[in-house]
Amino acid sequence: MPNTQYQFSSATSVDELYVLIKWPFVQDLMNYDWFRTECLLYQAFEEQEHLDSAYFVPLKRLYEVKDGS
């Protein structure tokens, strides 16, 4: 099977994947009940780019929002 940029390990569950969402796109997600307990604030270290109000959001939650769940 050829490798593609969309291929994940079969051991990786969608429940374990997070996506970095930058401001202002994350603002609408902050209204959901799960946001404070499941999302992680992005913290820059040393040479990394500093991003104001960027959060790691569970991929499964982004699918739920997209599907209107």
Protein backbone atom coordinates (compact mmCIF):
# COMPACT_ATOMS: atom_id res chain seq x y z
CA MET A 1 0.00 0.00 0.00
CA PRO A 2 1.57 3.36 -0.99
CA ASN A 3 2.15 6.03 1.64
CA THR A 4 0.11 9.19 1.31
CA GLN A 5 -0.12 12.28 3.45
CA TYR A 6 -3.63 11.17 4.53
CA GLN A 7 -2.67 7.73 5.77
CA PHE A 8 -2.57 7.08 9.53
CA SER A 9 -1.40 4.08 11.46
CA SER A 10 -4.16 1.56 12.02
CA ALA A 11 -3.32 1.79 15.74
CA THR A 12 -4.20 5.51 15.79
CA SER A 13 -7.76 6.23 16.79
CA VAL A 14 -9.55 9.42 15.78
CA ASP A 15 -10.09 9.87 19.54
CA GLU A 16 -6.34 10.37 19.94
CA LEU A 17 -5.84 12.99 17.22
CA TYR A 18 -5.87 16.73 17.82
CA VAL A 19 -5.81 19.61 15.34
CA LEU A 20 -4.27 23.02 16.04
CA ILE A 21 -6.95 25.66 15.46
CA LYS A 22 -5.84 29.28 15.39
CA TRP A 23 -7.70 32.45 16.33
CA PRO A 24 -10.26 33.58 15.14
CA PHE A 25 -11.44 30.15 13.91
CA VAL A 26 -11.33 28.65 17.41
CA GLN A 27 -13.66 31.34 18.76
CA ASP A 28 -16.86 29.57 17.66
CA LEU A 29 -15.68 26.30 19.20
CA MET A 30 -15.30 27.98 22.59
CA ASN A 31 -19.11 28.04 22.91
CA TYR A 32 -19.35 24.24 23.16
CA ASP A 33 -19.62 22.59 26.60
CA TRP A 34 -16.70 20.25 25.89
CA PHE A 35 -14.23 22.99 24.92
CA ARG A 36 -12.77 23.77 28.38
CA THR A 37 -12.33 20.13 29.34
CA GLU A 38 -11.10 18.65 26.05
CA CYS A 39 -9.11 21.36 24.28
CA LEU A 40 -5.52 22.27 25.07
CA LEU A 41 -4.02 25.73 24.84
CA TYR A 42 -1.04 25.88 22.47
CA GLN A 43 2.15 26.78 24.34
CA ALA A 44 5.21 27.81 22.32
CA PHE A 45 8.65 26.59 23.43
CA GLU A 46 11.99 28.17 22.56
CA GLU A 47 12.15 28.61 18.76
CA GLN A 48 8.52 27.72 18.03
CA GLU A 49 6.17 30.29 16.57
CA HIS A 50 4.04 32.00 19.24
CA LEU A 51 0.32 31.91 18.41
CA ASP A 52 -2.20 33.88 20.47
CA SER A 53 -5.30 31.92 21.46
CA ALA A 54 -4.55 28.80 19.45
CA TYR A 55 -5.88 25.50 20.78
CA PHE A 56 -5.46 21.81 20.07
CA VAL A 57 -8.99 20.51 19.45
CA PRO A 58 -9.94 16.82 19.29
CA LEU A 59 -10.49 15.77 15.69
CA LYS A 60 -13.63 13.86 16.68
CA ARG A 61 -15.17 17.13 17.97
CA LEU A 62 -14.42 18.90 14.69
CA TYR A 63 -16.25 16.11 12.85
CA GLU A 64 -19.21 16.50 15.23
CA VAL A 65 -19.34 20.25 14.65
CA LYS A 66 -19.09 19.75 10.88
CA ASP A 67 -21.89 17.18 10.94
CA GLY A 68 -24.06 19.37 13.17
CA SER A 69 -24.08 16.92 16.10
